Amino acid sequence: MSIQQQIASATSIMRNRHSVKHYKRGLMISKEEMNELIEIATSAPSAWNLQHWRFLVIDDQQQKEKLLPIAYYQQQIVDSSAVIVLLGDCEAGQEANGIYSSVVDKG
């Protein structure tokens, strides 16, 4: 694929992207599918390669309903198969020496 084709493809994806606000109630995503989606998301680069994120998957209907008030009563919270809460580890930098030293030791 030429660079022009790649740019055209990327442009098309960006222009056609939209925010989904309506979900089909009762549709469930399997744990395997959810894990695969999260695994793909975590393959994205992160600052200093520390992967200082955690994912909290909420798929229980009662728990999603508890989220409704803090999500400004957005209907998609309760209609979606699952809500993924992205949590940032503000202390991840403290683990950097342990992560990097093992790589340095390997040459």
PDB file of N, CA and C in Angstrom:
ATOM      1  N   MET A   1       0.863  -1.181   0.000  1.00  0.00           N
ATOM      2  CA  MET A   1       0.000   0.000   0.000  1.00  0.00           C
ATOM      3  C   MET A   1       0.904   1.236   0.000  1.00  0.00           C
ATOM      4  N   SER A   2       0.637   2.157  -0.904  1.00  0.00           N
ATOM      5  CA  SER A   2       1.449   3.372  -1.000  1.00  0.00           C
ATOM      6  C   SER A   2       1.137   4.307   0.164  1.00  0.00           C
ATOM      7  N   ILE A   3       2.021   5.265   0.388  1.00  0.00           N
ATOM      8  CA  ILE A   3       1.808   6.240   1.464  1.00  0.00           C
ATOM      9  C   ILE A   3       0.537   7.052   1.213  1.00  0.00           C
ATOM     10  N   GLN A   4       0.253   7.355  -0.054  1.00  0.00           N
ATOM     11  CA  GLN A   4      -0.974   8.096  -0.375  1.00  0.00           C
ATOM     12  C   GLN A   4      -2.218   7.274  -0.020  1.00  0.00           C
ATOM     13  N   GLN A   5      -2.173   5.960  -0.295  1.00  0.00           N
ATOM     14  CA  GLN A   5      -3.293   5.093   0.059  1.00  0.00           C
ATOM     15  C   GLN A   5      -3.441   4.998   1.576  1.00  0.00           C
ATOM     16  N   GLN A   6      -2.328   4.930   2.288  1.00  0.00           N
ATOM     17  CA  GLN A   6      -2.373   4.876   3.746  1.00  0.00           C
ATOM     18  C   GLN A   6      -2.963   6.153   4.320  1.00  0.00           C
ATOM     19  N   ILE A   7      -2.554   7.293   3.772  1.00  0.00           N
ATOM     20  CA  ILE A   7      -3.098   8.575   4.239  1.00  0.00           C
ATOM     21  C   ILE A   7      -4.592   8.642   3.950  1.00  0.00           C
ATOM     22  N   ALA A   8      -5.005   8.215   2.751  1.00  0.00           N
ATOM     23  CA  ALA A   8      -6.428   8.217   2.392  1.00  0.00           C
ATOM     24  C   ALA A   8      -7.221   7.313   3.329  1.00  0.00           C
ATOM     25  N   SER A   9      -6.665   6.152   3.652  1.00  0.00           N
ATOM     26  CA  SER A   9      -7.339   5.220   4.554  1.00  0.00           C
ATOM     27  C   SER A   9      -7.470   5.818   5.948  1.00  0.00           C
ATOM     28  N   ALA A  10      -6.388   6.395   6.457  1.00  0.00           N
ATOM     29  CA  ALA A  10      -6.412   7.009   7.792  1.00  0.00           C
ATOM     30  C   ALA A  10      -7.393   8.177   7.826  1.00  0.00           C
ATOM     31  N   THR A  11      -7.382   8.985   6.782  1.00  0.00           N
ATOM     32  CA  THR A  11      -8.298  10.122   6.695  1.00  0.00           C
ATOM     33  C   THR A  11      -9.747   9.650   6.696  1.00  0.00           C
ATOM     34  N   SER A  12     -10.036   8.606   5.945  1.00  0.00           N
ATOM     35  CA  SER A  12     -11.387   8.061   5.890  1.00  0.00           C
ATOM     36  C   SER A  12     -11.836   7.580   7.264  1.00  0.00           C
ATOM     37  N   ILE A  13     -10.961   6.884   7.937  1.00  0.00           N
ATOM     38  CA  ILE A  13     -11.287   6.385   9.290  1.00  0.00           C
ATOM     39  C   ILE A  13     -11.588   7.554  10.219  1.00  0.00           C
ATOM     40  N   MET A  14     -10.739   8.574  10.200  1.00  0.00           N
ATOM     41  CA  MET A  14     -10.941   9.722  11.096  1.00  0.00           C
ATOM     42  C   MET A  14     -12.213  10.498  10.771  1.00  0.00           C
ATOM     43  N   ARG A  15     -12.510  10.654   9.500  1.00  0.00           N
ATOM     44  CA  ARG A  15     -13.709  11.415   9.114  1.00  0.00           C
ATOM     45  C   ARG A  15     -15.001  10.654   9.412  1.00  0.00           C
ATOM     46  N   ASN A  16     -14.946   9.352   9.391  1.00  0.00           N
ATOM     47  CA  ASN A  16     -16.148   8.546   9.625  1.00  0.00           C
ATOM     48  C   ASN A  16     -16.322   8.131  11.073  1.00  0.00           C
ATOM     49  N   ARG A  17     -15.405   8.512  11.922  1.00  0.00           N
ATOM     50  CA  ARG A  17     -15.483   8.177  13.343  1.00  0.00           C
ATOM     51  C   ARG A  17     -16.606   9.000  13.992  1.00  0.00           C
ATOM     52  N   HIS A  18     -17.326   8.376  14.889  1.00  0.00           N
ATOM     53  CA  HIS A  18     -18.368   9.088  15.607  1.00  0.00           C
ATOM     54  C   HIS A  18     -18.539   8.478  16.992  1.00  0.00           C
ATOM     55  N   SER A  19     -19.161   9.216  17.840  1.00  0.00           N
ATOM     56  CA  SER A  19     -19.404   8.763  19.201  1.00  0.00           C
ATOM     57  C   SER A  19     -20.726   7.998  19.248  1.00  0.00           C
ATOM     58  N   VAL A  20     -20.676   6.777  19.728  1.00  0.00           N
ATOM     59  CA  VAL A  20     -21.880   5.951  19.809  1.00  0.00           C
ATOM     60  C   VAL A  20     -22.616   6.301  21.103  1.00  0.00           C
ATOM     61  N   LYS A  21     -23.864   6.633  20.971  1.00  0.00           N
ATOM     62  CA  LYS A  21     -24.673   7.015  22.138  1.00  0.00           C
ATOM     63  C   LYS A  21     -25.831   6.061  22.398  1.00  0.00           C
ATOM     64  N   HIS A  22     -26.129   5.197  21.427  1.00  0.00           N
ATOM     65  CA  HIS A  22     -27.264   4.287  21.580  1.00  0.00           C
ATOM     66  C   HIS A  22     -26.792   2.854  21.393  1.00  0.00           C
ATOM     67  N   TYR A  23     -27.150   2.015  22.340  1.00  0.00           N
ATOM     68  CA  TYR A  23     -26.741   0.615  22.311  1.00  0.00           C
ATOM     69  C   TYR A  23     -27.967  -0.281  22.343  1.00  0.00           C
ATOM     70  N   LYS A  24     -27.834  -1.466  21.794  1.00  0.00           N
ATOM     71  CA  LYS A  24     -28.901  -2.448  21.813  1.00  0.00           C
ATOM     72  C   LYS A  24     -28.883  -3.113  23.191  1.00  0.00           C
ATOM     73  N   ARG A  25     -29.931  -2.907  23.961  1.00  0.00           N
ATOM     74  CA  ARG A  25     -30.006  -3.483  25.314  1.00  0.00           C
ATOM     75  C   ARG A  25     -30.016  -4.998  25.249  1.00  0.00           C
ATOM     76  N   GLY A  26     -29.383  -5.615  26.239  1.00  0.00           N
ATOM     77  CA  GLY A  26     -29.410  -7.065  26.356  1.00  0.00           C
ATOM     78  C   GLY A  26     -28.325  -7.771  25.573  1.00  0.00           C
ATOM     79  N   LEU A  27     -27.631  -7.059  24.726  1.00  0.00           N
ATOM     80  CA  LEU A  27     -26.536  -7.651  23.963  1.00  0.00           C
ATOM     81  C   LEU A  27     -25.330  -7.794  24.880  1.00  0.00           C
ATOM     82  N   MET A  28     -24.726  -8.968  24.920  1.00  0.00           N
ATOM     83  CA  MET A  28     -23.611  -9.204  25.828  1.00  0.00           C
ATOM     84  C   MET A  28     -22.325  -9.483  25.045  1.00  0.00           C
ATOM     85  N   ILE A  29     -21.229  -9.027  25.583  1.00  0.00           N
ATOM     86  CA  ILE A  29     -19.906  -9.310  25.031  1.00  0.00           C
ATOM     87  C   ILE A  29     -19.280 -10.358  25.944  1.00  0.00           C
ATOM     88  N   SER A  30     -18.748 -11.420  25.351  1.00  0.00           N
ATOM     89  CA  SER A  30     -18.151 -12.477  26.174  1.00  0.00           C
ATOM     90  C   SER A  30     -16.872 -11.969  26.849  1.00  0.00           C
ATOM     91  N   LYS A  31     -16.494 -12.623  27.940  1.00  0.00           N
ATOM     92  CA  LYS A  31     -15.257 -12.258  28.635  1.00  0.00           C
ATOM     93  C   LYS A  31     -14.060 -12.397  27.707  1.00  0.00           C
ATOM     94  N   GLU A  32     -14.073 -13.415  26.854  1.00  0.00           N
ATOM     95  CA  GLU A  32     -12.971 -13.609  25.911  1.00  0.00           C
ATOM     96  C   GLU A  32     -12.858 -12.425  24.951  1.00  0.00           C
ATOM     97  N   GLU A  33     -14.012 -11.989  24.415  1.00  0.00           N
ATOM     98  CA  GLU A  33     -14.003 -10.845  23.500  1.00  0.00           C
ATOM     99  C   GLU A  33     -13.547  -9.575  24.221  1.00  0.00           C
ATOM    100  N   MET A  34     -14.031  -9.386  25.446  1.00  0.00           N
ATOM    101  CA  MET A  34     -13.664  -8.201  26.226  1.00  0.00           C
ATOM    102  C   MET A  34     -12.164  -8.208  26.513  1.00  0.00           C
ATOM    103  N   ASN A  35     -11.638  -9.366  26.897  1.00  0.00           N
ATOM    104  CA  ASN A  35     -10.205  -9.468  27.174  1.00  0.00           C
ATOM    105  C   ASN A  35      -9.380  -9.166  25.928  1.00  0.00           C
ATOM    106  N   GLU A  36      -9.851  -9.644  24.780  1.00  0.00           N
ATOM    107  CA  GLU A  36      -9.138  -9.391  23.530  1.00  0.00           C
ATOM    108  C   GLU A  36      -9.132  -7.896  23.204  1.00  0.00           C
ATOM    109  N   LEU A  37     -10.277  -7.241  23.391  1.00  0.00           N
ATOM    110  CA  LEU A  37     -10.346  -5.805  23.131  1.00  0.00           C
ATOM    111  C   LEU A  37      -9.414  -5.023  24.053  1.00  0.00           C
ATOM    112  N   ILE A  38      -9.383  -5.403  25.312  1.00  0.00           N
ATOM    113  CA  ILE A  38      -8.509  -4.710  26.266  1.00  0.00           C
ATOM    114  C   ILE A  38      -7.047  -4.992  25.945  1.00  0.00           C
ATOM    115  N   GLU A  39      -6.750  -6.215  25.560  1.00  0.00           N
ATOM    116  CA  GLU A  39      -5.371  -6.558  25.189  1.00  0.00           C
ATOM    117  C   GLU A  39      -4.918  -5.710  23.997  1.00  0.00           C
ATOM    118  N   ILE A  40      -5.790  -5.535  23.022  1.00  0.00           N
ATOM    119  CA  ILE A  40      -5.455  -4.697  21.867  1.00  0.00           C
ATOM    120  C   ILE A  40      -5.226  -3.254  22.317  1.00  0.00           C
ATOM    121  N   ALA A  41      -6.092  -2.755  23.191  1.00  0.00           N
ATOM    122  CA  ALA A  41      -5.945  -1.379  23.680  1.00  0.00           C
ATOM    123  C   ALA A  41      -4.631  -1.188  24.425  1.00  0.00           C
ATOM    124  N   THR A  42      -4.212  -2.187  25.170  1.00  0.00           N
ATOM    125  CA  THR A  42      -2.984  -2.042  25.954  1.00  0.00           C
ATOM    126  C   THR A  42      -1.729  -2.177  25.106  1.00  0.00           C
ATOM    127  N   SER A  43      -1.883  -2.514  23.832  1.00  0.00           N
ATOM    128  CA  SER A  43      -0.707  -2.574  22.969  1.00  0.00           C
ATOM    129  C   SER A  43      -0.293  -1.177  22.501  1.00  0.00           C
ATOM    130  N   ALA A  44      -1.105  -0.185  22.811  1.00  0.00           N
ATOM    131  CA  ALA A  44      -0.756   1.197  22.462  1.00  0.00           C
ATOM    132  C   ALA A  44       0.419   1.650  23.329  1.00  0.00           C
ATOM    133  N   PRO A  45       1.249   2.539  22.801  1.00  0.00           N
ATOM    134  CA  PRO A  45       2.386   3.020  23.591  1.00  0.00           C
ATOM    135  C   PRO A  45       1.917   3.819  24.799  1.00  0.00           C
ATOM    136  N   SER A  46       2.731   3.815  25.817  1.00  0.00           N
ATOM    137  CA  SER A  46       2.437   4.616  27.002  1.00  0.00           C
ATOM    138  C   SER A  46       3.699   5.380  27.390  1.00  0.00           C
ATOM    139  N   ALA A  47       3.523   6.398  28.208  1.00  0.00           N
ATOM    140  CA  ALA A  47       4.659   7.203  28.647  1.00  0.00           C
ATOM    141  C   ALA A  47       5.691   6.320  29.326  1.00  0.00           C
ATOM    142  N   TRP A  48       6.909   6.409  28.874  1.00  0.00           N
ATOM    143  CA  TRP A  48       8.041   5.648  29.409  1.00  0.00           C
ATOM    144  C   TRP A  48       7.803   4.147  29.395  1.00  0.00           C
ATOM    145  N   ASN A  49       6.831   3.697  28.623  1.00  0.00           N
ATOM    146  CA  ASN A  49       6.500   2.277  28.482  1.00  0.00           C
ATOM    147  C   ASN A  49       6.132   1.625  29.819  1.00  0.00           C
ATOM    148  N   LEU A  50       5.518   2.388  30.697  1.00  0.00           N
ATOM    149  CA  LEU A  50       5.165   1.871  32.028  1.00  0.00           C
ATOM    150  C   LEU A  50       3.778   1.248  32.080  1.00  0.00           C
ATOM    151  N   GLN A  51       2.981   1.408  31.019  1.00  0.00           N
ATOM    152  CA  GLN A  51       1.610   0.896  30.997  1.00  0.00           C
ATOM    153  C   GLN A  51       0.905   1.179  32.335  1.00  0.00           C
ATOM    154  N   HIS A  52       0.885   2.415  32.695  1.00  0.00           N
ATOM    155  CA  HIS A  52       0.323   2.803  33.991  1.00  0.00           C
ATOM    156  C   HIS A  52      -1.188   3.048  33.916  1.00  0.00           C
ATOM    157  N   TRP A  53      -1.860   2.035  33.402  1.00  0.00           N
ATOM    158  CA  TRP A  53      -3.318   2.059  33.325  1.00  0.00           C
ATOM    159  C   TRP A  53      -3.867   0.763  33.896  1.00  0.00           C
ATOM    160  N   ARG A  54      -5.064   0.851  34.354  1.00  0.00           N
ATOM    161  CA  ARG A  54      -5.797  -0.320  34.825  1.00  0.00           C
ATOM    162  C   ARG A  54      -7.203  -0.187  34.262  1.00  0.00           C
ATOM    163  N   PHE A  55      -7.809  -1.310  33.946  1.00  0.00           N
ATOM    164  CA  PHE A  55      -9.153  -1.311  33.391  1.00  0.00           C
ATOM    165  C   PHE A  55     -10.097  -1.999  34.360  1.00  0.00           C
ATOM    166  N   LEU A  56     -11.192  -1.354  34.651  1.00  0.00           N
ATOM    167  CA  LEU A  56     -12.244  -1.926  35.485  1.00  0.00           C
ATOM    168  C   LEU A  56     -13.454  -2.129  34.580  1.00  0.00           C
ATOM    169  N   VAL A  57     -13.813  -3.390  34.349  1.00  0.00           N
ATOM    170  CA  VAL A  57     -14.944  -3.716  33.478  1.00  0.00           C
ATOM    171  C   VAL A  57     -16.166  -3.946  34.346  1.00  0.00           C
ATOM    172  N   ILE A  58     -17.195  -3.182  34.085  1.00  0.00           N
ATOM    173  CA  ILE A  58     -18.442  -3.295  34.843  1.00  0.00           C
ATOM    174  C   ILE A  58     -19.514  -3.777  33.876  1.00  0.00           C
ATOM    175  N   ASP A  59     -19.929  -5.032  34.064  1.00  0.00           N
ATOM    176  CA  ASP A  59     -20.950  -5.584  33.172  1.00  0.00           C
ATOM    177  C   ASP A  59     -22.213  -6.009  33.918  1.00  0.00           C
ATOM    178  N   ASP A  60     -22.220  -5.852  35.212  1.00  0.00           N
ATOM    179  CA  ASP A  60     -23.396  -6.168  36.013  1.00  0.00           C
ATOM    180  C   ASP A  60     -24.386  -4.998  35.920  1.00  0.00           C
ATOM    181  N   GLN A  61     -25.622  -5.291  35.561  1.00  0.00           N
ATOM    182  CA  GLN A  61     -26.618  -4.243  35.328  1.00  0.00           C
ATOM    183  C   GLN A  61     -26.828  -3.366  36.565  1.00  0.00           C
ATOM    184  N   GLN A  62     -26.906  -3.968  37.742  1.00  0.00           N
ATOM    185  CA  GLN A  62     -27.109  -3.170  38.961  1.00  0.00           C
ATOM    186  C   GLN A  62     -25.933  -2.236  39.219  1.00  0.00           C
ATOM    187  N   GLN A  63     -24.720  -2.704  38.950  1.00  0.00           N
ATOM    188  CA  GLN A  63     -23.541  -1.852  39.149  1.00  0.00           C
ATOM    189  C   GLN A  63     -23.525  -0.707  38.124  1.00  0.00           C
ATOM    190  N   LYS A  64     -23.943  -1.001  36.895  1.00  0.00           N
ATOM    191  CA  LYS A  64     -24.004   0.057  35.881  1.00  0.00           C
ATOM    192  C   LYS A  64     -25.034   1.114  36.289  1.00  0.00           C
ATOM    193  N   GLU A  65     -26.148   0.680  36.862  1.00  0.00           N
ATOM    194  CA  GLU A  65     -27.165   1.635  37.301  1.00  0.00           C
ATOM    195  C   GLU A  65     -26.640   2.526  38.416  1.00  0.00           C
ATOM    196  N   LYS A  66     -25.757   1.991  39.262  1.00  0.00           N
ATOM    197  CA  LYS A  66     -25.146   2.811  40.314  1.00  0.00           C
ATOM    198  C   LYS A  66     -24.233   3.885  39.727  1.00  0.00           C
ATOM    199  N   LEU A  67     -23.674   3.616  38.553  1.00  0.00           N
ATOM    200  CA  LEU A  67     -22.809   4.595  37.894  1.00  0.00           C
ATOM    201  C   LEU A  67     -23.587   5.736  37.260  1.00  0.00           C
ATOM    202  N   LEU A  68     -24.838   5.506  36.977  1.00  0.00           N
ATOM    203  CA  LEU A  68     -25.642   6.470  36.223  1.00  0.00           C
ATOM    204  C   LEU A  68     -25.548   7.903  36.763  1.00  0.00           C
ATOM    205  N   PRO A  69     -25.732   8.141  38.068  1.00  0.00           N
ATOM    206  CA  PRO A  69     -25.661   9.533  38.552  1.00  0.00           C
ATOM    207  C   PRO A  69     -24.298  10.195  38.328  1.00  0.00           C
ATOM    208  N   ILE A  70     -23.213   9.446  38.511  1.00  0.00           N
ATOM    209  CA  ILE A  70     -21.901  10.077  38.344  1.00  0.00           C
ATOM    210  C   ILE A  70     -21.492  10.185  36.872  1.00  0.00           C
ATOM    211  N   ALA A  71     -22.276   9.561  35.991  1.00  0.00           N
ATOM    212  CA  ALA A  71     -22.048   9.666  34.549  1.00  0.00           C
ATOM    213  C   ALA A  71     -23.068  10.616  33.926  1.00  0.00           C
ATOM    214  N   TYR A  72     -23.576  11.535  34.726  1.00  0.00           N
ATOM    215  CA  TYR A  72     -24.524  12.549  34.259  1.00  0.00           C
ATOM    216  C   TYR A  72     -25.752  11.931  33.594  1.00  0.00           C
ATOM    217  N   TYR A  73     -26.168  10.775  34.115  1.00  0.00           N
ATOM    218  CA  TYR A  73     -27.384  10.089  33.651  1.00  0.00           C
ATOM    219  C   TYR A  73     -27.394   9.808  32.151  1.00  0.00           C
ATOM    220  N   GLN A  74     -26.244   9.492  31.606  1.00  0.00           N
ATOM    221  CA  GLN A  74     -26.171   9.137  30.190  1.00  0.00           C
ATOM    222  C   GLN A  74     -26.725   7.724  30.000  1.00  0.00           C
ATOM    223  N   GLN A  75     -27.727   7.597  29.182  1.00  0.00           N
ATOM    224  CA  GLN A  75     -28.441   6.336  28.999  1.00  0.00           C
ATOM    225  C   GLN A  75     -27.533   5.202  28.549  1.00  0.00           C
ATOM    226  N   GLN A  76     -26.489   5.517  27.770  1.00  0.00           N
ATOM    227  CA  GLN A  76     -25.614   4.463  27.265  1.00  0.00           C
ATOM    228  C   GLN A  76     -24.896   3.715  28.386  1.00  0.00           C
ATOM    229  N   ILE A  77     -24.795   4.282  29.551  1.00  0.00           N
ATOM    230  CA  ILE A  77     -24.161   3.599  30.687  1.00  0.00           C
ATOM    231  C   ILE A  77     -24.939   2.335  31.041  1.00  0.00           C
ATOM    232  N   VAL A  78     -26.246   2.420  31.071  1.00  0.00           N
ATOM    233  CA  VAL A  78     -27.060   1.258  31.448  1.00  0.00           C
ATOM    234  C   VAL A  78     -27.447   0.395  30.256  1.00  0.00           C
ATOM    235  N   ASP A  79     -27.419   0.956  29.057  1.00  0.00           N
ATOM    236  CA  ASP A  79     -27.784   0.186  27.870  1.00  0.00           C
ATOM    237  C   ASP A  79     -26.620  -0.621  27.303  1.00  0.00           C
ATOM    238  N   SER A  80     -25.410  -0.219  27.572  1.00  0.00           N
ATOM    239  CA  SER A  80     -24.235  -0.896  27.010  1.00  0.00           C
ATOM    240  C   SER A  80     -24.033  -2.273  27.633  1.00  0.00           C
ATOM    241  N   SER A  81     -23.312  -3.116  26.918  1.00  0.00           N
ATOM    242  CA  SER A  81     -22.978  -4.451  27.439  1.00  0.00           C
ATOM    243  C   SER A  81     -22.084  -4.344  28.650  1.00  0.00           C
ATOM    244  N   ALA A  82     -21.170  -3.390  28.603  1.00  0.00           N
ATOM    245  CA  ALA A  82     -20.234  -3.197  29.703  1.00  0.00           C
ATOM    246  C   ALA A  82     -19.739  -1.761  29.682  1.00  0.00           C
ATOM    247  N   VAL A  83     -19.336  -1.306  30.844  1.00  0.00           N
ATOM    248  CA  VAL A  83     -18.690  -0.008  30.978  1.00  0.00           C
ATOM    249  C   VAL A  83     -17.256  -0.296  31.373  1.00  0.00           C
ATOM    250  N   ILE A  84     -16.329   0.304  30.660  1.00  0.00           N
ATOM    251  CA  ILE A  84     -14.917   0.134  30.997  1.00  0.00           C
ATOM    252  C   ILE A  84     -14.440   1.426  31.624  1.00  0.00           C
ATOM    253  N   VAL A  85     -14.029   1.327  32.877  1.00  0.00           N
ATOM    254  CA  VAL A  85     -13.499   2.476  33.589  1.00  0.00           C
ATOM    255  C   VAL A  85     -11.984   2.407  33.463  1.00  0.00           C
ATOM    256  N   LEU A  86     -11.395   3.452  32.930  1.00  0.00           N
ATOM    257  CA  LEU A  86      -9.954   3.511  32.760  1.00  0.00           C
ATOM    258  C   LEU A  86      -9.359   4.241  33.956  1.00  0.00           C
ATOM    259  N   LEU A  87      -8.480   3.547  34.662  1.00  0.00           N
ATOM    260  CA  LEU A  87      -7.851   4.095  35.857  1.00  0.00           C
ATOM    261  C   LEU A  87      -6.374   4.321  35.584  1.00  0.00           C
ATOM    262  N   GLY A  88      -5.860   5.460  35.988  1.00  0.00           N
ATOM    263  CA  GLY A  88      -4.439   5.749  35.820  1.00  0.00           C
ATOM    264  C   GLY A  88      -3.691   5.526  37.122  1.00  0.00           C
ATOM    265  N   ASP A  89      -2.549   4.866  37.031  1.00  0.00           N
ATOM    266  CA  ASP A  89      -1.701   4.630  38.201  1.00  0.00           C
ATOM    267  C   ASP A  89      -0.732   5.798  38.329  1.00  0.00           C
ATOM    268  N   CYS A  90      -1.033   6.723  39.218  1.00  0.00           N
ATOM    269  CA  CYS A  90      -0.211   7.923  39.398  1.00  0.00           C
ATOM    270  C   CYS A  90       1.140   7.607  40.043  1.00  0.00           C
ATOM    271  N   GLU A  91       1.288   6.418  40.565  1.00  0.00           N
ATOM    272  CA  GLU A  91       2.544   6.025  41.212  1.00  0.00           C
ATOM    273  C   GLU A  91       3.385   5.105  40.329  1.00  0.00           C
ATOM    274  N   ALA A  92       3.023   4.945  39.079  1.00  0.00           N
ATOM    275  CA  ALA A  92       3.710   4.001  38.195  1.00  0.00           C
ATOM    276  C   ALA A  92       5.191   4.316  38.046  1.00  0.00           C
ATOM    277  N   GLY A  93       5.549   5.572  38.103  1.00  0.00           N
ATOM    278  CA  GLY A  93       6.944   5.963  37.966  1.00  0.00           C
ATOM    279  C   GLY A  93       7.848   5.349  39.020  1.00  0.00           C
ATOM    280  N   GLN A  94       7.271   4.992  40.160  1.00  0.00           N
ATOM    281  CA  GLN A  94       8.073   4.380  41.224  1.00  0.00           C
ATOM    282  C   GLN A  94       8.529   2.969  40.850  1.00  0.00           C
ATOM    283  N   GLU A  95       7.887   2.382  39.857  1.00  0.00           N
ATOM    284  CA  GLU A  95       8.238   1.032  39.413  1.00  0.00           C
ATOM    285  C   GLU A  95       9.263   1.043  38.274  1.00  0.00           C
ATOM    286  N   ALA A  96       9.605   2.223  37.788  1.00  0.00           N
ATOM    287  CA  ALA A  96      10.458   2.334  36.603  1.00  0.00           C
ATOM    288  C   ALA A  96      11.807   1.645  36.785  1.00  0.00           C
ATOM    289  N   ASN A  97      12.467   1.847  37.927  1.00  0.00           N
ATOM    290  CA  ASN A  97      13.788   1.230  38.118  1.00  0.00           C
ATOM    291  C   ASN A  97      13.728  -0.287  38.020  1.00  0.00           C
ATOM    292  N   GLY A  98      12.712  -0.902  38.592  1.00  0.00           N
ATOM    293  CA  GLY A  98      12.568  -2.346  38.527  1.00  0.00           C
ATOM    294  C   GLY A  98      12.331  -2.830  37.106  1.00  0.00           C
ATOM    295  N   ILE A  99      11.563  -2.078  36.354  1.00  0.00           N
ATOM    296  CA  ILE A  99      11.266  -2.460  34.974  1.00  0.00           C
ATOM    297  C   ILE A  99      12.498  -2.277  34.096  1.00  0.00           C
ATOM    298  N   TYR A 100      13.129  -1.129  34.203  1.00  0.00           N
ATOM    299  CA  TYR A 100      14.259  -0.831  33.332  1.00  0.00           C
ATOM    300  C   TYR A 100      15.511  -1.598  33.703  1.00  0.00           C
ATOM    301  N   SER A 101      15.741  -1.836  34.999  1.00  0.00           N
ATOM    302  CA  SER A 101      16.972  -2.534  35.391  1.00  0.00           C
ATOM    303  C   SER A 101      17.022  -3.956  34.856  1.00  0.00           C
ATOM    304  N   SER A 102      15.878  -4.636  34.768  1.00  0.00           N
ATOM    305  CA  SER A 102      15.880  -5.994  34.217  1.00  0.00           C
ATOM    306  C   SER A 102      16.237  -5.979  32.733  1.00  0.00           C
ATOM    307  N   VAL A 103      15.817  -4.948  32.020  1.00  0.00           N
ATOM    308  CA  VAL A 103      16.157  -4.828  30.597  1.00  0.00           C
ATOM    309  C   VAL A 103      17.646  -4.520  30.445  1.00  0.00           C
ATOM    310  N   VAL A 104      18.161  -3.643  31.293  1.00  0.00           N
ATOM    311  CA  VAL A 104      19.584  -3.307  31.250  1.00  0.00           C
ATOM    312  C   VAL A 104      20.428  -4.533  31.570  1.00  0.00           C
ATOM    313  N   ASP A 105      19.996  -5.320  32.545  1.00  0.00           N
ATOM    314  CA  ASP A 105      20.729  -6.532  32.919  1.00  0.00           C
ATOM    315  C   ASP A 105      20.817  -7.525  31.751  1.00  0.00           C
ATOM    316  N   LYS A 106      19.789  -7.510  30.893  1.00  0.00           N
ATOM    317  CA  LYS A 106      19.780  -8.408  29.741  1.00  0.00           C
ATOM    318  C   LYS A 106      20.617  -7.889  28.574  1.00  0.00           C
ATOM    319  N   GLY A 107      21.158  -6.688  28.740  1.00  0.00           N
ATOM    320  CA  GLY A 107      22.020  -6.113  27.707  1.00  0.00           C
ATOM    321  C   GLY A 107      21.277  -5.328  26.707  1.00  0.00           C
TER     322      GLY A 107
END
